Amino acid sequence: MIVGFAGLIYAMGVKSASVDEARTDIDKLAATVNDLARAQASAAVADATHTKTLEEIQRRLGHLEERIR
């Protein structure tokens, strides 16, 4: 009976360690996903800024072309 109880405690300890390890991995994954989302948002803002700048340049070039003709 003592051996059975010791085996039960050991099994619970192994499961607890597995759960702790999985939790650590999930926390790392969550941090990585958070960083990825921030990077994607920053890239979207930068793309919008570049698009606006390119549209402004295109508009200015259009005015220059009209003046040259």
PDB file of N, CA and C in Angstrom:
ATOM      1  N   MET A   1       0.813  -1.187   0.000  1.00  0.00           N
ATOM      2  CA  MET A   1       0.000   0.000   0.000  1.00  0.00           C
ATOM      3  C   MET A   1       0.867   1.266   0.000  1.00  0.00           C
ATOM      4  N   ILE A   2       1.949   1.217   0.741  1.00  0.00           N
ATOM      5  CA  ILE A   2       2.866   2.350   0.792  1.00  0.00           C
ATOM      6  C   ILE A   2       3.480   2.583  -0.591  1.00  0.00           C
ATOM      7  N   VAL A   3       3.819   1.486  -1.268  1.00  0.00           N
ATOM      8  CA  VAL A   3       4.394   1.605  -2.611  1.00  0.00           C
ATOM      9  C   VAL A   3       3.374   2.239  -3.558  1.00  0.00           C
ATOM     10  N   GLY A   4       2.116   1.846  -3.439  1.00  0.00           N
ATOM     11  CA  GLY A   4       1.060   2.422  -4.273  1.00  0.00           C
ATOM     12  C   GLY A   4       0.889   3.898  -4.012  1.00  0.00           C
ATOM     13  N   PHE A   5       0.909   4.298  -2.746  1.00  0.00           N
ATOM     14  CA  PHE A   5       0.785   5.706  -2.373  1.00  0.00           C
ATOM     15  C   PHE A   5       1.983   6.509  -2.887  1.00  0.00           C
ATOM     16  N   ALA A   6       3.187   5.952  -2.744  1.00  0.00           N
ATOM     17  CA  ALA A   6       4.392   6.615  -3.244  1.00  0.00           C
ATOM     18  C   ALA A   6       4.321   6.762  -4.759  1.00  0.00           C
ATOM     19  N   GLY A   7       3.820   5.741  -5.433  1.00  0.00           N
ATOM     20  CA  GLY A   7       3.667   5.808  -6.890  1.00  0.00           C
ATOM     21  C   GLY A   7       2.677   6.882  -7.296  1.00  0.00           C
ATOM     22  N   LEU A   8       1.611   7.023  -6.546  1.00  0.00           N
ATOM     23  CA  LEU A   8       0.605   8.052  -6.815  1.00  0.00           C
ATOM     24  C   LEU A   8       1.193   9.448  -6.643  1.00  0.00           C
ATOM     25  N   ILE A   9       1.939   9.631  -5.568  1.00  0.00           N
ATOM     26  CA  ILE A   9       2.581  10.934  -5.321  1.00  0.00           C
ATOM     27  C   ILE A   9       3.589  11.244  -6.426  1.00  0.00           C
ATOM     28  N   TYR A  10       4.361  10.233  -6.835  1.00  0.00           N
ATOM     29  CA  TYR A  10       5.335  10.427  -7.914  1.00  0.00           C
ATOM     30  C   TYR A  10       4.630  10.813  -9.210  1.00  0.00           C
ATOM     31  N   ALA A  11       3.547  10.117  -9.537  1.00  0.00           N
ATOM     32  CA  ALA A  11       2.804  10.401 -10.765  1.00  0.00           C
ATOM     33  C   ALA A  11       2.250  11.824 -10.736  1.00  0.00           C
ATOM     34  N   MET A  12       1.759  12.243  -9.587  1.00  0.00           N
ATOM     35  CA  MET A  12       1.236  13.609  -9.460  1.00  0.00           C
ATOM     36  C   MET A  12       2.354  14.627  -9.644  1.00  0.00           C
ATOM     37  N   GLY A  13       3.520  14.326  -9.122  1.00  0.00           N
ATOM     38  CA  GLY A  13       4.665  15.226  -9.272  1.00  0.00           C
ATOM     39  C   GLY A  13       5.095  15.343 -10.720  1.00  0.00           C
ATOM     40  N   VAL A  14       5.103  14.216 -11.431  1.00  0.00           N
ATOM     41  CA  VAL A  14       5.478  14.229 -12.844  1.00  0.00           C
ATOM     42  C   VAL A  14       4.467  15.041 -13.646  1.00  0.00           C
ATOM     43  N   LYS A  15       3.176  14.838 -13.365  1.00  0.00           N
ATOM     44  CA  LYS A  15       2.136  15.596 -14.068  1.00  0.00           C
ATOM     45  C   LYS A  15       2.247  17.073 -13.751  1.00  0.00           C
ATOM     46  N   SER A  16       2.536  17.399 -12.505  1.00  0.00           N
ATOM     47  CA  SER A  16       2.680  18.795 -12.108  1.00  0.00           C
ATOM     48  C   SER A  16       3.855  19.441 -12.844  1.00  0.00           C
ATOM     49  N   ALA A  17       4.953  18.715 -12.948  1.00  0.00           N
ATOM     50  CA  ALA A  17       6.116  19.242 -13.665  1.00  0.00           C
ATOM     51  C   ALA A  17       5.781  19.435 -15.138  1.00  0.00           C
ATOM     52  N   SER A  18       5.034  18.510 -15.718  1.00  0.00           N
ATOM     53  CA  SER A  18       4.633  18.632 -17.119  1.00  0.00           C
ATOM     54  C   SER A  18       3.734  19.841 -17.327  1.00  0.00           C
ATOM     55  N   VAL A  19       2.818  20.045 -16.398  1.00  0.00           N
ATOM     56  CA  VAL A  19       1.920  21.194 -16.487  1.00  0.00           C
ATOM     57  C   VAL A  19       2.713  22.489 -16.345  1.00  0.00           C
ATOM     58  N   ASP A  20       3.653  22.537 -15.423  1.00  0.00           N
ATOM     59  CA  ASP A  20       4.490  23.727 -15.242  1.00  0.00           C
ATOM     60  C   ASP A  20       5.300  24.024 -16.503  1.00  0.00           C
ATOM     61  N   GLU A  21       5.858  22.988 -17.103  1.00  0.00           N
ATOM     62  CA  GLU A  21       6.647  23.162 -18.326  1.00  0.00           C
ATOM     63  C   GLU A  21       5.759  23.661 -19.473  1.00  0.00           C
ATOM     64  N   ALA A  22       4.568  23.088 -19.588  1.00  0.00           N
ATOM     65  CA  ALA A  22       3.635  23.523 -20.630  1.00  0.00           C
ATOM     66  C   ALA A  22       3.225  24.976 -20.409  1.00  0.00           C
ATOM     67  N   ARG A  23       3.006  25.351 -19.169  1.00  0.00           N
ATOM     68  CA  ARG A  23       2.625  26.736 -18.847  1.00  0.00           C
ATOM     69  C   ARG A  23       3.744  27.698 -19.223  1.00  0.00           C
ATOM     70  N   THR A  24       4.975  27.330 -18.948  1.00  0.00           N
ATOM     71  CA  THR A  24       6.114  28.160 -19.318  1.00  0.00           C
ATOM     72  C   THR A  24       6.186  28.325 -20.828  1.00  0.00           C
ATOM     73  N   ASP A  25       6.000  27.228 -21.555  1.00  0.00           N
ATOM     74  CA  ASP A  25       6.017  27.295 -23.019  1.00  0.00           C
ATOM     75  C   ASP A  25       4.880  28.162 -23.552  1.00  0.00           C
ATOM     76  N   ILE A  26       3.711  28.060 -22.949  1.00  0.00           N
ATOM     77  CA  ILE A  26       2.570  28.869 -23.377  1.00  0.00           C
ATOM     78  C   ILE A  26       2.829  30.348 -23.105  1.00  0.00           C
ATOM     79  N   ASP A  27       3.431  30.654 -21.970  1.00  0.00           N
ATOM     80  CA  ASP A  27       3.769  32.046 -21.658  1.00  0.00           C
ATOM     81  C   ASP A  27       4.764  32.606 -22.676  1.00  0.00           C
ATOM     82  N   LYS A  28       5.762  31.806 -23.050  1.00  0.00           N
ATOM     83  CA  LYS A  28       6.741  32.244 -24.052  1.00  0.00           C
ATOM     84  C   LYS A  28       6.066  32.459 -25.400  1.00  0.00           C
ATOM     85  N   LEU A  29       5.162  31.553 -25.765  1.00  0.00           N
ATOM     86  CA  LEU A  29       4.433  31.684 -27.018  1.00  0.00           C
ATOM     87  C   LEU A  29       3.563  32.929 -27.010  1.00  0.00           C
ATOM     88  N   ALA A  30       2.896  33.195 -25.913  1.00  0.00           N
ATOM     89  CA  ALA A  30       2.050  34.385 -25.798  1.00  0.00           C
ATOM     90  C   ALA A  30       2.883  35.658 -25.944  1.00  0.00           C
ATOM     91  N   ALA A  31       4.059  35.695 -25.352  1.00  0.00           N
ATOM     92  CA  ALA A  31       4.935  36.864 -25.471  1.00  0.00           C
ATOM     93  C   ALA A  31       5.395  37.043 -26.919  1.00  0.00           C
ATOM     94  N   THR A  32       5.700  35.946 -27.588  1.00  0.00           N
ATOM     95  CA  THR A  32       6.129  36.012 -28.985  1.00  0.00           C
ATOM     96  C   THR A  32       5.004  36.509 -29.874  1.00  0.00           C
ATOM     97  N   VAL A  33       3.798  36.012 -29.656  1.00  0.00           N
ATOM     98  CA  VAL A  33       2.642  36.453 -30.442  1.00  0.00           C
ATOM     99  C   VAL A  33       2.374  37.930 -30.193  1.00  0.00           C
ATOM    100  N   ASN A  34       2.512  38.366 -28.955  1.00  0.00           N
ATOM    101  CA  ASN A  34       2.323  39.779 -28.624  1.00  0.00           C
ATOM    102  C   ASN A  34       3.341  40.648 -29.356  1.00  0.00           C
ATOM    103  N   ASP A  35       4.595  40.236 -29.359  1.00  0.00           N
ATOM    104  CA  ASP A  35       5.638  40.979 -30.069  1.00  0.00           C
ATOM    105  C   ASP A  35       5.365  41.005 -31.570  1.00  0.00           C
ATOM    106  N   LEU A  36       4.920  39.888 -32.107  1.00  0.00           N
ATOM    107  CA  LEU A  36       4.598  39.818 -33.530  1.00  0.00           C
ATOM    108  C   LEU A  36       3.453  40.757 -33.879  1.00  0.00           C
ATOM    109  N   ALA A  37       2.432  40.800 -33.050  1.00  0.00           N
ATOM    110  CA  ALA A  37       1.300  41.699 -33.293  1.00  0.00           C
ATOM    111  C   ALA A  37       1.741  43.156 -33.255  1.00  0.00           C
ATOM    112  N   ARG A  38       2.602  43.499 -32.305  1.00  0.00           N
ATOM    113  CA  ARG A  38       3.125  44.879 -32.239  1.00  0.00           C
ATOM    114  C   ARG A  38       3.938  45.215 -33.485  1.00  0.00           C
ATOM    115  N   ALA A  39       4.774  44.279 -33.907  1.00  0.00           N
ATOM    116  CA  ALA A  39       5.596  44.516 -35.098  1.00  0.00           C
ATOM    117  C   ALA A  39       4.720  44.680 -36.333  1.00  0.00           C
ATOM    118  N   GLN A  40       3.684  43.873 -36.438  1.00  0.00           N
ATOM    119  CA  GLN A  40       2.778  43.972 -37.583  1.00  0.00           C
ATOM    120  C   GLN A  40       2.042  45.315 -37.565  1.00  0.00           C
ATOM    121  N   ALA A  41       1.609  45.755 -36.415  1.00  0.00           N
ATOM    122  CA  ALA A  41       0.928  47.046 -36.302  1.00  0.00           C
ATOM    123  C   ALA A  41       1.876  48.185 -36.678  1.00  0.00           C
ATOM    124  N   SER A  42       3.115  48.102 -36.216  1.00  0.00           N
ATOM    125  CA  SER A  42       4.102  49.132 -36.561  1.00  0.00           C
ATOM    126  C   SER A  42       4.369  49.154 -38.056  1.00  0.00           C
ATOM    127  N   ALA A  43       4.454  47.974 -38.649  1.00  0.00           N
ATOM    128  CA  ALA A  43       4.684  47.898 -40.097  1.00  0.00           C
ATOM    129  C   ALA A  43       3.503  48.473 -40.864  1.00  0.00           C
ATOM    130  N   ALA A  44       2.296  48.233 -40.392  1.00  0.00           N
ATOM    131  CA  ALA A  44       1.107  48.778 -41.055  1.00  0.00           C
ATOM    132  C   ALA A  44       1.105  50.302 -40.996  1.00  0.00           C
ATOM    133  N   VAL A  45       1.482  50.858 -39.851  1.00  0.00           N
ATOM    134  CA  VAL A  45       1.558  52.313 -39.718  1.00  0.00           C
ATOM    135  C   VAL A  45       2.629  52.869 -40.653  1.00  0.00           C
ATOM    136  N   ALA A  46       3.772  52.212 -40.697  1.00  0.00           N
ATOM    137  CA  ALA A  46       4.854  52.656 -41.584  1.00  0.00           C
ATOM    138  C   ALA A  46       4.418  52.572 -43.041  1.00  0.00           C
ATOM    139  N   ASP A  47       3.717  51.490 -43.411  1.00  0.00           N
ATOM    140  CA  ASP A  47       3.223  51.350 -44.787  1.00  0.00           C
ATOM    141  C   ASP A  47       2.256  52.467 -45.134  1.00  0.00           C
ATOM    142  N   ALA A  48       1.364  52.791 -44.202  1.00  0.00           N
ATOM    143  CA  ALA A  48       0.398  53.870 -44.442  1.00  0.00           C
ATOM    144  C   ALA A  48       1.117  55.200 -44.621  1.00  0.00           C
ATOM    145  N   THR A  49       2.132  55.428 -43.817  1.00  0.00           N
ATOM    146  CA  THR A  49       2.906  56.669 -43.928  1.00  0.00           C
ATOM    147  C   THR A  49       3.627  56.729 -45.272  1.00  0.00           C
ATOM    148  N   HIS A  50       4.230  55.627 -45.670  1.00  0.00           N
ATOM    149  CA  HIS A  50       4.924  55.591 -46.964  1.00  0.00           C
ATOM    150  C   HIS A  50       3.952  55.784 -48.117  1.00  0.00           C
ATOM    151  N   THR A  51       2.785  55.167 -48.009  1.00  0.00           N
ATOM    152  CA  THR A  51       1.773  55.318 -49.055  1.00  0.00           C
ATOM    153  C   THR A  51       1.349  56.766 -49.177  1.00  0.00           C
ATOM    154  N   LYS A  52       1.141  57.412 -48.052  1.00  0.00           N
ATOM    155  CA  LYS A  52       0.751  58.824 -48.065  1.00  0.00           C
ATOM    156  C   LYS A  52       1.848  59.673 -48.694  1.00  0.00           C
ATOM    157  N   THR A  53       3.085  59.403 -48.339  1.00  0.00           N
ATOM    158  CA  THR A  53       4.209  60.154 -48.899  1.00  0.00           C
ATOM    159  C   THR A  53       4.309  59.938 -50.406  1.00  0.00           C
ATOM    160  N   LEU A  54       4.173  58.693 -50.844  1.00  0.00           N
ATOM    161  CA  LEU A  54       4.243  58.407 -52.280  1.00  0.00           C
ATOM    162  C   LEU A  54       3.090  59.056 -53.040  1.00  0.00           C
ATOM    163  N   GLU A  55       1.907  59.080 -52.445  1.00  0.00           N
ATOM    164  CA  GLU A  55       0.777  59.749 -53.091  1.00  0.00           C
ATOM    165  C   GLU A  55       1.029  61.244 -53.216  1.00  0.00           C
ATOM    166  N   GLU A  56       1.619  61.839 -52.202  1.00  0.00           N
ATOM    167  CA  GLU A  56       1.955  63.265 -52.248  1.00  0.00           C
ATOM    168  C   GLU A  56       2.991  63.533 -53.337  1.00  0.00           C
ATOM    169  N   ILE A  57       3.994  62.696 -53.441  1.00  0.00           N
ATOM    170  CA  ILE A  57       5.006  62.858 -54.491  1.00  0.00           C
ATOM    171  C   ILE A  57       4.368  62.711 -55.868  1.00  0.00           C
ATOM    172  N   GLN A  58       3.494  61.741 -56.002  1.00  0.00           N
ATOM    173  CA  GLN A  58       2.811  61.536 -57.285  1.00  0.00           C
ATOM    174  C   GLN A  58       1.962  62.752 -57.635  1.00  0.00           C
ATOM    175  N   ARG A  59       1.295  63.313 -56.661  1.00  0.00           N
ATOM    176  CA  ARG A  59       0.478  64.514 -56.905  1.00  0.00           C
ATOM    177  C   ARG A  59       1.355  65.671 -57.357  1.00  0.00           C
ATOM    178  N   ARG A  60       2.476  65.861 -56.685  1.00  0.00           N
ATOM    179  CA  ARG A  60       3.389  66.954 -57.047  1.00  0.00           C
ATOM    180  C   ARG A  60       3.963  66.761 -58.438  1.00  0.00           C
ATOM    181  N   LEU A  61       4.317  65.511 -58.769  1.00  0.00           N
ATOM    182  CA  LEU A  61       4.827  65.246 -60.116  1.00  0.00           C
ATOM    183  C   LEU A  61       3.753  65.503 -61.174  1.00  0.00           C
ATOM    184  N   GLY A  62       2.513  65.176 -60.846  1.00  0.00           N
ATOM    185  CA  GLY A  62       1.408  65.440 -61.755  1.00  0.00           C
ATOM    186  C   GLY A  62       1.265  66.932 -62.025  1.00  0.00           C
ATOM    187  N   HIS A  63       1.390  67.749 -60.985  1.00  0.00           N
ATOM    188  CA  HIS A  63       1.334  69.213 -61.158  1.00  0.00           C
ATOM    189  C   HIS A  63       2.485  69.711 -62.018  1.00  0.00           C
ATOM    190  N   LEU A  64       3.663  69.184 -61.782  1.00  0.00           N
ATOM    191  CA  LEU A  64       4.828  69.576 -62.592  1.00  0.00           C
ATOM    192  C   LEU A  64       4.641  69.217 -64.048  1.00  0.00           C
ATOM    193  N   GLU A  65       4.121  68.034 -64.301  1.00  0.00           N
ATOM    194  CA  GLU A  65       3.878  67.609 -65.687  1.00  0.00           C
ATOM    195  C   GLU A  65       2.885  68.521 -66.366  1.00  0.00           C
ATOM    196  N   GLU A  66       1.843  68.918 -65.645  1.00  0.00           N
ATOM    197  CA  GLU A  66       0.845  69.824 -66.214  1.00  0.00           C
ATOM    198  C   GLU A  66       1.464  71.182 -66.535  1.00  0.00           C
ATOM    199  N   ARG A  67       2.344  71.667 -65.684  1.00  0.00           N
ATOM    200  CA  ARG A  67       2.977  72.977 -65.906  1.00  0.00           C
ATOM    201  C   ARG A  67       3.939  72.927 -67.078  1.00  0.00           C
ATOM    202  N   ILE A  68       4.590  71.778 -67.272  1.00  0.00           N
ATOM    203  CA  ILE A  68       5.570  71.635 -68.355  1.00  0.00           C
ATOM    204  C   ILE A  68       4.858  71.614 -69.710  1.00  0.00           C
ATOM    205  N   ARG A  69       3.710  71.018 -69.778  1.00  0.00           N
ATOM    206  CA  ARG A  69       2.984  70.894 -71.052  1.00  0.00           C
ATOM    207  C   ARG A  69       2.485  72.194 -71.465  1.00  0.00           C
TER     208      ARG A  69
END
